[in-house]
């Protein structure tokens, strides 16, 4: 499994890690019962703090994407299609809210933002 941390990103390292793992689950690159790299190994491979990987794994477990099996590691959990869709919709809504907020701070009106979204949807 290839994961990368972009040091130039404004997104915290643990969020980058979470997003990449979620994406691999959504795309089917990680499936039910696939084992994730150990916290120590992944931290070493990505040259980041162990606590960063632990935080990402803890958050993924809270969100229901993975489960920790005592003494064995972290594994991808079975998600129902409805759960996946709901989680993805929440993530998309959050991202859209951030983008709209940025656009408004840049000075775009609601109409300009709406027209931009319509233009993108028509492409």
PDB file of N, CA and C in Angstrom:
ATOM      1  N   UNK A   1       0.852  -1.173   0.000  1.00  0.00           N
ATOM      2  CA  UNK A   1       0.000   0.000   0.000  1.00  0.00           C
ATOM      3  C   UNK A   1       0.895   1.232   0.000  1.00  0.00           C
ATOM      4  N   UNK A   2       0.674   2.093  -0.961  1.00  0.00           N
ATOM      5  CA  UNK A   2       1.487   3.298  -1.090  1.00  0.00           C
ATOM      6  C   UNK A   2       0.728   4.489  -0.522  1.00  0.00           C
ATOM      7  N   UNK A   3       1.302   5.095   0.486  1.00  0.00           N
ATOM      8  CA  UNK A   3       0.755   6.303   1.094  1.00  0.00           C
ATOM      9  C   UNK A   3       1.851   7.355   1.079  1.00  0.00           C
ATOM     10  N   UNK A   4       1.455   8.610   0.915  1.00  0.00           N
ATOM     11  CA  UNK A   4       2.431   9.698   0.863  1.00  0.00           C
ATOM     12  C   UNK A   4       1.941  10.863   1.705  1.00  0.00           C
ATOM     13  N   UNK A   5       2.882  11.571   2.288  1.00  0.00           N
ATOM     14  CA  UNK A   5       2.573  12.787   3.029  1.00  0.00           C
ATOM     15  C   UNK A   5       3.157  13.956   2.252  1.00  0.00           C
ATOM     16  N   UNK A   6       2.317  14.932   1.964  1.00  0.00           N
ATOM     17  CA  UNK A   6       2.754  16.142   1.264  1.00  0.00           C
ATOM     18  C   UNK A   6       3.092  17.195   2.309  1.00  0.00           C
ATOM     19  N   UNK A   7       4.383  17.429   2.487  1.00  0.00           N
ATOM     20  CA  UNK A   7       4.839  18.387   3.499  1.00  0.00           C
ATOM     21  C   UNK A   7       4.391  19.815   3.191  1.00  0.00           C
ATOM     22  N   UNK A   8       4.070  20.095   1.930  1.00  0.00           N
ATOM     23  CA  UNK A   8       3.660  21.443   1.536  1.00  0.00           C
ATOM     24  C   UNK A   8       2.161  21.669   1.715  1.00  0.00           C
ATOM     25  N   UNK A   9       1.434  20.606   2.011  1.00  0.00           N
ATOM     26  CA  UNK A   9      -0.023  20.699   2.154  1.00  0.00           C
ATOM     27  C   UNK A   9      -0.398  21.445   3.429  1.00  0.00           C
ATOM     28  N   UNK A  10      -1.501  22.171   3.359  1.00  0.00           N
ATOM     29  CA  UNK A  10      -2.045  22.835   4.548  1.00  0.00           C
ATOM     30  C   UNK A  10      -2.792  21.853   5.443  1.00  0.00           C
ATOM     31  N   UNK A  11      -3.081  20.676   4.902  1.00  0.00           N
ATOM     32  CA  UNK A  11      -3.813  19.656   5.641  1.00  0.00           C
ATOM     33  C   UNK A  11      -2.865  18.933   6.598  1.00  0.00           C
ATOM     34  N   UNK A  12      -3.296  18.748   7.833  1.00  0.00           N
ATOM     35  CA  UNK A  12      -2.476  18.053   8.831  1.00  0.00           C
ATOM     36  C   UNK A  12      -2.114  16.654   8.328  1.00  0.00           C
ATOM     37  N   UNK A  13      -0.939  16.177   8.743  1.00  0.00           N
ATOM     38  CA  UNK A  13      -0.458  14.874   8.288  1.00  0.00           C
ATOM     39  C   UNK A  13      -1.438  13.742   8.603  1.00  0.00           C
ATOM     40  N   UNK A  14      -2.032  13.761   9.797  1.00  0.00           N
ATOM     41  CA  UNK A  14      -2.947  12.669  10.141  1.00  0.00           C
ATOM     42  C   UNK A  14      -4.188  12.688   9.243  1.00  0.00           C
ATOM     43  N   UNK A  15      -4.635  13.897   8.840  1.00  0.00           N
ATOM     44  CA  UNK A  15      -5.787  13.998   7.939  1.00  0.00           C
ATOM     45  C   UNK A  15      -5.425  13.519   6.536  1.00  0.00           C
ATOM     46  N   UNK A  16      -4.221  13.843   6.084  1.00  0.00           N
ATOM     47  CA  UNK A  16      -3.769  13.346   4.780  1.00  0.00           C
ATOM     48  C   UNK A  16      -3.776  11.823   4.784  1.00  0.00           C
ATOM     49  N   UNK A  17      -3.259  11.249   5.855  1.00  0.00           N
ATOM     50  CA  UNK A  17      -3.195   9.800   5.984  1.00  0.00           C
ATOM     51  C   UNK A  17      -4.602   9.194   6.011  1.00  0.00           C
ATOM     52  N   UNK A  18      -5.484   9.775   6.805  1.00  0.00           N
ATOM     53  CA  UNK A  18      -6.870   9.295   6.867  1.00  0.00           C
ATOM     54  C   UNK A  18      -7.538   9.345   5.501  1.00  0.00           C
ATOM     55  N   UNK A  19      -7.401  10.475   4.822  1.00  0.00           N
ATOM     56  CA  UNK A  19      -8.044  10.643   3.518  1.00  0.00           C
ATOM     57  C   UNK A  19      -7.545   9.626   2.506  1.00  0.00           C
ATOM     58  N   UNK A  20      -6.245   9.343   2.527  1.00  0.00           N
ATOM     59  CA  UNK A  20      -5.695   8.373   1.580  1.00  0.00           C
ATOM     60  C   UNK A  20      -6.198   6.962   1.875  1.00  0.00           C
ATOM     61  N   UNK A  21      -6.282   6.605   3.140  1.00  0.00           N
ATOM     62  CA  UNK A  21      -6.776   5.273   3.500  1.00  0.00           C
ATOM     63  C   UNK A  21      -8.258   5.154   3.141  1.00  0.00           C
ATOM     64  N   UNK A  22      -9.044   6.193   3.445  1.00  0.00           N
ATOM     65  CA  UNK A  22     -10.467   6.181   3.069  1.00  0.00           C
ATOM     66  C   UNK A  22     -10.622   6.035   1.561  1.00  0.00           C
ATOM     67  N   UNK A  23      -9.818   6.782   0.818  1.00  0.00           N
ATOM     68  CA  UNK A  23      -9.899   6.717  -0.643  1.00  0.00           C
ATOM     69  C   UNK A  23      -9.616   5.306  -1.134  1.00  0.00           C
ATOM     70  N   UNK A  24      -8.614   4.653  -0.552  1.00  0.00           N
ATOM     71  CA  UNK A  24      -8.283   3.287  -0.960  1.00  0.00           C
ATOM     72  C   UNK A  24      -9.424   2.321  -0.618  1.00  0.00           C
ATOM     73  N   UNK A  25     -10.123   2.584   0.475  1.00  0.00           N
ATOM     74  CA  UNK A  25     -11.285   1.758   0.826  1.00  0.00           C
ATOM     75  C   UNK A  25     -12.421   2.016  -0.161  1.00  0.00           C
ATOM     76  N   UNK A  26     -12.705   3.290  -0.446  1.00  0.00           N
ATOM     77  CA  UNK A  26     -13.778   3.639  -1.388  1.00  0.00           C
ATOM     78  C   UNK A  26     -13.517   3.062  -2.779  1.00  0.00           C
ATOM     79  N   UNK A  27     -12.244   3.062  -3.197  1.00  0.00           N
ATOM     80  CA  UNK A  27     -11.891   2.573  -4.530  1.00  0.00           C
ATOM     81  C   UNK A  27     -11.728   1.059  -4.586  1.00  0.00           C
ATOM     82  N   UNK A  28     -11.808   0.400  -3.440  1.00  0.00           N
ATOM     83  CA  UNK A  28     -11.673  -1.049  -3.401  1.00  0.00           C
ATOM     84  C   UNK A  28     -10.241  -1.539  -3.391  1.00  0.00           C
ATOM     85  N   UNK A  29      -9.284  -0.631  -3.246  1.00  0.00           N
ATOM     86  CA  UNK A  29      -7.878  -1.037  -3.159  1.00  0.00           C
ATOM     87  C   UNK A  29      -7.588  -1.682  -1.807  1.00  0.00           C
ATOM     88  N   UNK A  30      -8.352  -1.293  -0.808  1.00  0.00           N
ATOM     89  CA  UNK A  30      -8.328  -1.946   0.503  1.00  0.00           C
ATOM     90  C   UNK A  30      -9.713  -2.533   0.714  1.00  0.00           C
ATOM     91  N   UNK A  31      -9.761  -3.812   1.073  1.00  0.00           N
ATOM     92  CA  UNK A  31     -11.049  -4.473   1.251  1.00  0.00           C
ATOM     93  C   UNK A  31     -11.163  -5.047   2.661  1.00  0.00           C
ATOM     94  N   UNK A  32     -12.315  -5.584   2.953  1.00  0.00           N
ATOM     95  CA  UNK A  32     -12.613  -6.137   4.272  1.00  0.00           C
ATOM     96  C   UNK A  32     -11.500  -7.084   4.718  1.00  0.00           C
ATOM     97  N   UNK A  33     -11.054  -6.887   5.946  1.00  0.00           N
ATOM     98  CA  UNK A  33     -10.035  -7.705   6.609  1.00  0.00           C
ATOM     99  C   UNK A  33      -8.616  -7.487   6.103  1.00  0.00           C
ATOM    100  N   UNK A  34      -8.404  -6.551   5.189  1.00  0.00           N
ATOM    101  CA  UNK A  34      -7.028  -6.211   4.818  1.00  0.00           C
ATOM    102  C   UNK A  34      -6.355  -5.578   6.025  1.00  0.00           C
ATOM    103  N   UNK A  35      -5.120  -5.999   6.279  1.00  0.00           N
ATOM    104  CA  UNK A  35      -4.384  -5.446   7.412  1.00  0.00           C
ATOM    105  C   UNK A  35      -3.633  -4.189   6.991  1.00  0.00           C
ATOM    106  N   UNK A  36      -3.733  -3.150   7.813  1.00  0.00           N
ATOM    107  CA  UNK A  36      -2.977  -1.924   7.580  1.00  0.00           C
ATOM    108  C   UNK A  36      -1.574  -2.103   8.146  1.00  0.00           C
ATOM    109  N   UNK A  37      -0.613  -1.337   7.633  1.00  0.00           N
ATOM    110  CA  UNK A  37       0.738  -1.414   8.201  1.00  0.00           C
ATOM    111  C   UNK A  37       0.697  -1.047   9.687  1.00  0.00           C
ATOM    112  N   UNK A  38       1.615  -1.615  10.452  1.00  0.00           N
ATOM    113  CA  UNK A  38       1.659  -1.268  11.873  1.00  0.00           C
ATOM    114  C   UNK A  38       1.958   0.217  12.023  1.00  0.00           C
ATOM    115  N   UNK A  39       1.571   0.760  13.152  1.00  0.00           N
ATOM    116  CA  UNK A  39       1.774   2.182  13.411  1.00  0.00           C
ATOM    117  C   UNK A  39       3.249   2.544  13.303  1.00  0.00           C
ATOM    118  N   UNK A  40       4.102   1.746  13.910  1.00  0.00           N
ATOM    119  CA  UNK A  40       5.547   2.039  13.899  1.00  0.00           C
ATOM    120  C   UNK A  40       6.139   1.952  12.493  1.00  0.00           C
ATOM    121  N   UNK A  41       5.752   0.920  11.767  1.00  0.00           N
ATOM    122  CA  UNK A  41       6.282   0.739  10.407  1.00  0.00           C
ATOM    123  C   UNK A  41       5.844   1.884   9.504  1.00  0.00           C
ATOM    124  N   UNK A  42       4.572   2.240   9.557  1.00  0.00           N
ATOM    125  CA  UNK A  42       4.070   3.313   8.699  1.00  0.00           C
ATOM    126  C   UNK A  42       4.703   4.652   9.067  1.00  0.00           C
ATOM    127  N   UNK A  43       4.852   4.911  10.362  1.00  0.00           N
ATOM    128  CA  UNK A  43       5.493   6.160  10.798  1.00  0.00           C
ATOM    129  C   UNK A  43       6.923   6.230  10.269  1.00  0.00           C
ATOM    130  N   UNK A  44       7.625   5.114  10.337  1.00  0.00           N
ATOM    131  CA  UNK A  44       9.012   5.075   9.845  1.00  0.00           C
ATOM    132  C   UNK A  44       9.046   5.260   8.331  1.00  0.00           C
ATOM    133  N   UNK A  45       8.175   4.554   7.613  1.00  0.00           N
ATOM    134  CA  UNK A  45       8.143   4.639   6.147  1.00  0.00           C
ATOM    135  C   UNK A  45       7.829   6.054   5.658  1.00  0.00           C
ATOM    136  N   UNK A  46       6.931   6.741   6.372  1.00  0.00           N
ATOM    137  CA  UNK A  46       6.516   8.082   5.956  1.00  0.00           C
ATOM    138  C   UNK A  46       7.341   9.184   6.618  1.00  0.00           C
ATOM    139  N   UNK A  47       8.231   8.767   7.513  1.00  0.00           N
ATOM    140  CA  UNK A  47       9.087   9.713   8.232  1.00  0.00           C
ATOM    141  C   UNK A  47       8.251  10.735   9.012  1.00  0.00           C
ATOM    142  N   UNK A  48       7.243  10.211   9.722  1.00  0.00           N
ATOM    143  CA  UNK A  48       6.395  11.055  10.563  1.00  0.00           C
ATOM    144  C   UNK A  48       6.342  10.441  11.960  1.00  0.00           C
ATOM    145  N   UNK A  49       5.808  11.194  12.901  1.00  0.00           N
ATOM    146  CA  UNK A  49       5.731  10.731  14.285  1.00  0.00           C
ATOM    147  C   UNK A  49       4.733   9.578  14.437  1.00  0.00           C
ATOM    148  N   UNK A  50       5.061   8.672  15.332  1.00  0.00           N
ATOM    149  CA  UNK A  50       4.181   7.541  15.629  1.00  0.00           C
ATOM    150  C   UNK A  50       2.804   8.040  16.065  1.00  0.00           C
ATOM    151  N   UNK A  51       2.780   9.094  16.866  1.00  0.00           N
ATOM    152  CA  UNK A  51       1.517   9.637  17.373  1.00  0.00           C
ATOM    153  C   UNK A  51       0.618  10.129  16.238  1.00  0.00           C
ATOM    154  N   UNK A  52       1.223  10.564  15.134  1.00  0.00           N
ATOM    155  CA  UNK A  52       0.452  11.023  13.972  1.00  0.00           C
ATOM    156  C   UNK A  52      -0.304   9.855  13.341  1.00  0.00           C
ATOM    157  N   UNK A  53       0.391   8.747  13.160  1.00  0.00           N
ATOM    158  CA  UNK A  53      -0.246   7.554  12.586  1.00  0.00           C
ATOM    159  C   UNK A  53      -1.307   7.022  13.550  1.00  0.00           C
ATOM    160  N   UNK A  54      -0.971   7.001  14.838  1.00  0.00           N
ATOM    161  CA  UNK A  54      -1.933   6.521  15.836  1.00  0.00           C
ATOM    162  C   UNK A  54      -3.203   7.365  15.811  1.00  0.00           C
ATOM    163  N   UNK A  55      -3.048   8.675  15.697  1.00  0.00           N
ATOM    164  CA  UNK A  55      -4.224   9.551  15.657  1.00  0.00           C
ATOM    165  C   UNK A  55      -5.080   9.251  14.427  1.00  0.00           C
ATOM    166  N   UNK A  56      -4.428   9.064  13.273  1.00  0.00           N
ATOM    167  CA  UNK A  56      -5.165   8.743  12.046  1.00  0.00           C
ATOM    168  C   UNK A  56      -5.921   7.423  12.209  1.00  0.00           C
ATOM    169  N   UNK A  57      -5.238   6.405  12.733  1.00  0.00           N
ATOM    170  CA  UNK A  57      -5.877   5.104  12.923  1.00  0.00           C
ATOM    171  C   UNK A  57      -7.023   5.202  13.934  1.00  0.00           C
ATOM    172  N   UNK A  58      -6.812   5.942  15.028  1.00  0.00           N
ATOM    173  CA  UNK A  58      -7.870   6.107  16.032  1.00  0.00           C
ATOM    174  C   UNK A  58      -9.105   6.770  15.431  1.00  0.00           C
ATOM    175  N   UNK A  59      -8.886   7.810  14.627  1.00  0.00           N
ATOM    176  CA  UNK A  59     -10.010   8.515  13.992  1.00  0.00           C
ATOM    177  C   UNK A  59     -10.722   7.612  12.985  1.00  0.00           C
ATOM    178  N   UNK A  60      -9.952   6.848  12.214  1.00  0.00           N
ATOM    179  CA  UNK A  60     -10.559   5.923  11.250  1.00  0.00           C
ATOM    180  C   UNK A  60     -11.394   4.864  11.971  1.00  0.00           C
ATOM    181  N   UNK A  61     -10.915   4.445  13.136  1.00  0.00           N
ATOM    182  CA  UNK A  61     -11.674   3.462  13.913  1.00  0.00           C
ATOM    183  C   UNK A  61     -12.960   4.089  14.455  1.00  0.00           C
ATOM    184  N   UNK A  62     -12.877   5.323  14.948  1.00  0.00           N
ATOM    185  CA  UNK A  62     -14.075   6.021  15.444  1.00  0.00           C
ATOM    186  C   UNK A  62     -15.113   6.182  14.340  1.00  0.00           C
ATOM    187  N   UNK A  63     -14.637   6.422  13.115  1.00  0.00           N
ATOM    188  CA  UNK A  63     -15.543   6.617  11.982  1.00  0.00           C
ATOM    189  C   UNK A  63     -16.052   5.301  11.404  1.00  0.00           C
ATOM    190  N   UNK A  64     -15.522   4.176  11.897  1.00  0.00           N
ATOM    191  CA  UNK A  64     -16.015   2.875  11.472  1.00  0.00           C
ATOM    192  C   UNK A  64     -15.342   2.274  10.251  1.00  0.00           C
ATOM    193  N   UNK A  65     -14.207   2.829   9.841  1.00  0.00           N
ATOM    194  CA  UNK A  65     -13.518   2.307   8.664  1.00  0.00           C
ATOM    195  C   UNK A  65     -12.600   1.134   8.992  1.00  0.00           C
ATOM    196  N   UNK A  66     -12.012   1.157  10.178  1.00  0.00           N
ATOM    197  CA  UNK A  66     -11.085   0.090  10.552  1.00  0.00           C
ATOM    198  C   UNK A  66     -11.405  -0.388  11.962  1.00  0.00           C
ATOM    199  N   UNK A  67     -10.828  -1.529  12.309  1.00  0.00           N
ATOM    200  CA  UNK A  67     -10.946  -2.033  13.673  1.00  0.00           C
ATOM    201  C   UNK A  67      -9.580  -2.522  14.126  1.00  0.00           C
ATOM    202  N   UNK A  68      -9.322  -2.376  15.414  1.00  0.00           N
ATOM    203  CA  UNK A  68      -8.070  -2.846  15.991  1.00  0.00           C
ATOM    204  C   UNK A  68      -8.329  -4.192  16.638  1.00  0.00           C
ATOM    205  N   UNK A  69      -7.497  -5.152  16.284  1.00  0.00           N
ATOM    206  CA  UNK A  69      -7.583  -6.475  16.901  1.00  0.00           C
ATOM    207  C   UNK A  69      -6.376  -6.616  17.819  1.00  0.00           C
ATOM    208  N   UNK A  70      -6.663  -6.781  19.104  1.00  0.00           N
ATOM    209  CA  UNK A  70      -5.627  -6.810  20.121  1.00  0.00           C
ATOM    210  C   UNK A  70      -4.507  -7.777  19.751  1.00  0.00           C
ATOM    211  N   UNK A  71      -3.294  -7.254  19.697  1.00  0.00           N
ATOM    212  CA  UNK A  71      -2.121  -8.067  19.419  1.00  0.00           C
ATOM    213  C   UNK A  71      -1.926  -8.435  17.960  1.00  0.00           C
ATOM    214  N   UNK A  72      -2.841  -8.024  17.086  1.00  0.00           N
ATOM    215  CA  UNK A  72      -2.743  -8.397  15.672  1.00  0.00           C
ATOM    216  C   UNK A  72      -2.599  -7.201  14.751  1.00  0.00           C
ATOM    217  N   UNK A  73      -3.177  -6.057  15.131  1.00  0.00           N
ATOM    218  CA  UNK A  73      -3.056  -4.868  14.294  1.00  0.00           C
ATOM    219  C   UNK A  73      -4.398  -4.283  13.913  1.00  0.00           C
ATOM    220  N   UNK A  74      -4.353  -3.433  12.900  1.00  0.00           N
ATOM    221  CA  UNK A  74      -5.556  -2.740  12.423  1.00  0.00           C
ATOM    222  C   UNK A  74      -5.984  -3.323  11.080  1.00  0.00           C
ATOM    223  N   UNK A  75      -7.284  -3.514  10.943  1.00  0.00           N
ATOM    224  CA  UNK A  75      -7.836  -4.147   9.756  1.00  0.00           C
ATOM    225  C   UNK A  75      -9.017  -3.340   9.225  1.00  0.00           C
ATOM    226  N   UNK A  76      -9.213  -3.420   7.903  1.00  0.00           N
ATOM    227  CA  UNK A  76     -10.352  -2.751   7.280  1.00  0.00           C
ATOM    228  C   UNK A  76     -11.624  -3.462   7.724  1.00  0.00           C
ATOM    229  N   UNK A  77     -12.581  -2.666   8.143  1.00  0.00           N
ATOM    230  CA  UNK A  77     -13.840  -3.176   8.670  1.00  0.00           C
ATOM    231  C   UNK A  77     -14.876  -3.267   7.552  1.00  0.00           C
ATOM    232  N   UNK A  78     -15.819  -4.173   7.717  1.00  0.00           N
ATOM    233  CA  UNK A  78     -16.901  -4.292   6.745  1.00  0.00           C
ATOM    234  C   UNK A  78     -17.819  -3.086   6.878  1.00  0.00           C
ATOM    235  N   UNK A  79     -18.018  -2.411   5.789  1.00  0.00           N
ATOM    236  CA  UNK A  79     -18.933  -1.271   5.758  1.00  0.00           C
ATOM    237  C   UNK A  79     -20.064  -1.596   4.800  1.00  0.00           C
ATOM    238  N   UNK A  80     -21.248  -1.247   5.194  1.00  0.00           N
ATOM    239  CA  UNK A  80     -22.379  -1.416   4.296  1.00  0.00           C
ATOM    240  C   UNK A  80     -22.380  -0.276   3.289  1.00  0.00           C
ATOM    241  N   UNK A  81     -22.913  -0.529   2.129  1.00  0.00           N
ATOM    242  CA  UNK A  81     -22.936   0.466   1.060  1.00  0.00           C
ATOM    243  C   UNK A  81     -23.581   1.770   1.525  1.00  0.00           C
ATOM    244  N   UNK A  82     -24.648   1.664   2.303  1.00  0.00           N
ATOM    245  CA  UNK A  82     -25.314   2.871   2.811  1.00  0.00           C
ATOM    246  C   UNK A  82     -24.383   3.682   3.703  1.00  0.00           C
ATOM    247  N   UNK A  83     -23.604   2.977   4.536  1.00  0.00           N
ATOM    248  CA  UNK A  83     -22.650   3.661   5.412  1.00  0.00           C
ATOM    249  C   UNK A  83     -21.596   4.380   4.587  1.00  0.00           C
ATOM    250  N   UNK A  84     -21.086   3.687   3.577  1.00  0.00           N
ATOM    251  CA  UNK A  84     -20.066   4.293   2.721  1.00  0.00           C
ATOM    252  C   UNK A  84     -20.603   5.549   2.051  1.00  0.00           C
ATOM    253  N   UNK A  85     -21.801   5.435   1.504  1.00  0.00           N
ATOM    254  CA  UNK A  85     -22.397   6.574   0.803  1.00  0.00           C
ATOM    255  C   UNK A  85     -22.617   7.741   1.763  1.00  0.00           C
ATOM    256  N   UNK A  86     -23.138   7.444   2.948  1.00  0.00           N
ATOM    257  CA  UNK A  86     -23.396   8.497   3.927  1.00  0.00           C
ATOM    258  C   UNK A  86     -22.095   9.178   4.352  1.00  0.00           C
ATOM    259  N   UNK A  87     -21.070   8.389   4.613  1.00  0.00           N
ATOM    260  CA  UNK A  87     -19.781   8.954   5.026  1.00  0.00           C
ATOM    261  C   UNK A  87     -19.175   9.794   3.908  1.00  0.00           C
ATOM    262  N   UNK A  88     -19.274   9.299   2.682  1.00  0.00           N
ATOM    263  CA  UNK A  88     -18.715  10.041   1.551  1.00  0.00           C
ATOM    264  C   UNK A  88     -19.490  11.342   1.332  1.00  0.00           C
ATOM    265  N   UNK A  89     -20.803  11.291   1.459  1.00  0.00           N
ATOM    266  CA  UNK A  89     -21.606  12.506   1.303  1.00  0.00           C
ATOM    267  C   UNK A  89     -21.244  13.550   2.356  1.00  0.00           C
ATOM    268  N   UNK A  90     -21.026  13.112   3.581  1.00  0.00           N
ATOM    269  CA  UNK A  90     -20.624  14.042   4.638  1.00  0.00           C
ATOM    270  C   UNK A  90     -19.264  14.661   4.331  1.00  0.00           C
ATOM    271  N   UNK A  91     -18.368  13.842   3.824  1.00  0.00           N
ATOM    272  CA  UNK A  91     -17.031  14.330   3.464  1.00  0.00           C
ATOM    273  C   UNK A  91     -17.116  15.343   2.316  1.00  0.00           C
ATOM    274  N   UNK A  92     -17.929  15.033   1.314  1.00  0.00           N
ATOM    275  CA  UNK A  92     -18.099  15.943   0.174  1.00  0.00           C
ATOM    276  C   UNK A  92     -18.731  17.250   0.638  1.00  0.00           C
ATOM    277  N   UNK A  93     -19.730  17.149   1.510  1.00  0.00           N
ATOM    278  CA  UNK A  93     -20.380  18.359   2.025  1.00  0.00           C
ATOM    279  C   UNK A  93     -19.377  19.239   2.770  1.00  0.00           C
ATOM    280  N   UNK A  94     -18.539  18.613   3.571  1.00  0.00           N
ATOM    281  CA  UNK A  94     -17.518  19.363   4.310  1.00  0.00           C
ATOM    282  C   UNK A  94     -16.569  20.064   3.345  1.00  0.00           C
ATOM    283  N   UNK A  95     -16.114  19.331   2.332  1.00  0.00           N
ATOM    284  CA  UNK A  95     -15.199  19.909   1.343  1.00  0.00           C
ATOM    285  C   UNK A  95     -15.856  21.061   0.581  1.00  0.00           C
ATOM    286  N   UNK A  96     -17.110  20.876   0.193  1.00  0.00           N
ATOM    287  CA  UNK A  96     -17.823  21.944  -0.517  1.00  0.00           C
ATOM    288  C   UNK A  96     -17.989  23.184   0.359  1.00  0.00           C
ATOM    289  N   UNK A  97     -18.284  22.965   1.630  1.00  0.00           N
ATOM    290  CA  UNK A  97     -18.409  24.100   2.551  1.00  0.00           C
ATOM    291  C   UNK A  97     -17.109  24.888   2.637  1.00  0.00           C
ATOM    292  N   UNK A  98     -15.989  24.171   2.689  1.00  0.00           N
ATOM    293  CA  UNK A  98     -14.686  24.839   2.747  1.00  0.00           C
ATOM    294  C   UNK A  98     -14.422  25.622   1.465  1.00  0.00           C
ATOM    295  N   UNK A  99     -14.737  25.022   0.334  1.00  0.00           N
ATOM    296  CA  UNK A  99     -14.515  25.677  -0.960  1.00  0.00           C
ATOM    297  C   UNK A  99     -15.402  26.915  -1.085  1.00  0.00           C
ATOM    298  N   UNK A 100     -16.664  26.787  -0.699  1.00  0.00           N
ATOM    299  CA  UNK A 100     -17.579  27.930  -0.772  1.00  0.00           C
ATOM    300  C   UNK A 100     -17.122  29.044   0.167  1.00  0.00           C
ATOM    301  N   UNK A 101     -16.679  28.667   1.344  1.00  0.00           N
ATOM    302  CA  UNK A 101     -16.158  29.661   2.292  1.00  0.00           C
ATOM    303  C   UNK A 101     -14.968  30.408   1.684  1.00  0.00           C
ATOM    304  N   UNK A 102     -14.045  29.650   1.077  1.00  0.00           N
ATOM    305  CA  UNK A 102     -12.873  30.268   0.429  1.00  0.00           C
ATOM    306  C   UNK A 102     -13.303  31.199  -0.701  1.00  0.00           C
ATOM    307  N   UNK A 103     -14.273  30.750  -1.497  1.00  0.00           N
ATOM    308  CA  UNK A 103     -14.740  31.561  -2.625  1.00  0.00           C
ATOM    309  C   UNK A 103     -15.362  32.867  -2.135  1.00  0.00           C
ATOM    310  N   UNK A 104     -16.129  32.786  -1.054  1.00  0.00           N
ATOM    311  CA  UNK A 104     -16.754  33.998  -0.501  1.00  0.00           C
ATOM    312  C   UNK A 104     -15.702  34.939   0.073  1.00  0.00           C
ATOM    313  N   UNK A 105     -14.691  34.368   0.709  1.00  0.00           N
ATOM    314  CA  UNK A 105     -13.608  35.206   1.233  1.00  0.00           C
ATOM    315  C   UNK A 105     -12.855  35.893   0.098  1.00  0.00           C
ATOM    316  N   UNK A 106     -12.809  35.237  -1.037  1.00  0.00           N
ATOM    317  CA  UNK A 106     -12.153  35.801  -2.213  1.00  0.00           C
ATOM    318  C   UNK A 106     -13.015  36.888  -2.849  1.00  0.00           C
ATOM    319  N   UNK A 107     -14.285  36.950  -2.447  1.00  0.00           N
ATOM    320  CA  UNK A 107     -15.160  38.004  -2.938  1.00  0.00           C
ATOM    321  C   UNK A 107     -16.199  37.567  -3.949  1.00  0.00           C
ATOM    322  N   UNK A 108     -16.305  36.263  -4.191  1.00  0.00           N
ATOM    323  CA  UNK A 108     -17.313  35.785  -5.137  1.00  0.00           C
ATOM    324  C   UNK A 108     -18.698  35.836  -4.502  1.00  0.00           C
ATOM    325  N   UNK A 109     -19.687  36.195  -5.303  1.00  0.00           N
ATOM    326  CA  UNK A 109     -21.075  36.225  -4.827  1.00  0.00           C
ATOM    327  C   UNK A 109     -21.666  34.815  -4.900  1.00  0.00           C
ATOM    328  N   UNK A 110     -22.818  34.643  -4.251  1.00  0.00           N
ATOM    329  CA  UNK A 110     -23.512  33.353  -4.314  1.00  0.00           C
ATOM    330  C   UNK A 110     -23.830  32.984  -5.762  1.00  0.00           C
ATOM    331  N   UNK A 111     -24.239  33.967  -6.544  1.00  0.00           N
ATOM    332  CA  UNK A 111     -24.570  33.730  -7.947  1.00  0.00           C
ATOM    333  C   UNK A 111     -23.334  33.277  -8.727  1.00  0.00           C
ATOM    334  N   UNK A 112     -22.201  33.922  -8.495  1.00  0.00           N
ATOM    335  CA  UNK A 112     -20.965  33.537  -9.191  1.00  0.00           C
ATOM    336  C   UNK A 112     -20.544  32.119  -8.812  1.00  0.00           C
ATOM    337  N   UNK A 113     -20.686  31.785  -7.540  1.00  0.00           N
ATOM    338  CA  UNK A 113     -20.340  30.434  -7.080  1.00  0.00           C
ATOM    339  C   UNK A 113     -21.278  29.413  -7.716  1.00  0.00           C
ATOM    340  N   UNK A 114     -22.574  29.713  -7.726  1.00  0.00           N
ATOM    341  CA  UNK A 114     -23.565  28.816  -8.332  1.00  0.00           C
ATOM    342  C   UNK A 114     -23.281  28.613  -9.816  1.00  0.00           C
ATOM    343  N   UNK A 115     -22.982  29.697 -10.523  1.00  0.00           N
ATOM    344  CA  UNK A 115     -22.666  29.596 -11.951  1.00  0.00           C
ATOM    345  C   UNK A 115     -21.417  28.762 -12.190  1.00  0.00           C
ATOM    346  N   UNK A 116     -20.433  28.907 -11.320  1.00  0.00           N
ATOM    347  CA  UNK A 116     -19.202  28.126 -11.444  1.00  0.00           C
ATOM    348  C   UNK A 116     -19.488  26.639 -11.251  1.00  0.00           C
ATOM    349  N   UNK A 117     -20.306  26.322 -10.257  1.00  0.00           N
ATOM    350  CA  UNK A 117     -20.661  24.923 -10.012  1.00  0.00           C
ATOM    351  C   UNK A 117     -21.442  24.355 -11.195  1.00  0.00           C
ATOM    352  N   UNK A 118     -22.395  25.126 -11.733  1.00  0.00           N
ATOM    353  CA  UNK A 118     -23.163  24.680 -12.904  1.00  0.00           C
ATOM    354  C   UNK A 118     -22.239  24.429 -14.087  1.00  0.00           C
ATOM    355  N   UNK A 119     -21.276  25.325 -14.282  1.00  0.00           N
ATOM    356  CA  UNK A 119     -20.328  25.180 -15.387  1.00  0.00           C
ATOM    357  C   UNK A 119     -19.539  23.882 -15.247  1.00  0.00           C
ATOM    358  N   UNK A 120     -19.085  23.590 -14.047  1.00  0.00           N
ATOM    359  CA  UNK A 120     -18.318  22.364 -13.802  1.00  0.00           C
ATOM    360  C   UNK A 120     -19.189  21.133 -14.032  1.00  0.00           C
ATOM    361  N   UNK A 121     -20.443  21.179 -13.580  1.00  0.00           N
ATOM    362  CA  UNK A 121     -21.345  20.041 -13.759  1.00  0.00           C
ATOM    363  C   UNK A 121     -21.662  19.775 -15.229  1.00  0.00           C
ATOM    364  N   UNK A 122     -21.656  20.817 -16.046  1.00  0.00           N
ATOM    365  CA  UNK A 122     -21.962  20.671 -17.468  1.00  0.00           C
ATOM    366  C   UNK A 122     -20.791  20.123 -18.267  1.00  0.00           C
ATOM    367  N   UNK A 123     -19.607  20.164 -17.705  1.00  0.00           N
ATOM    368  CA  UNK A 123     -18.416  19.698 -18.443  1.00  0.00           C
ATOM    369  C   UNK A 123     -18.384  18.201 -18.572  1.00  0.00           C
TER     370      UNK A 123
END
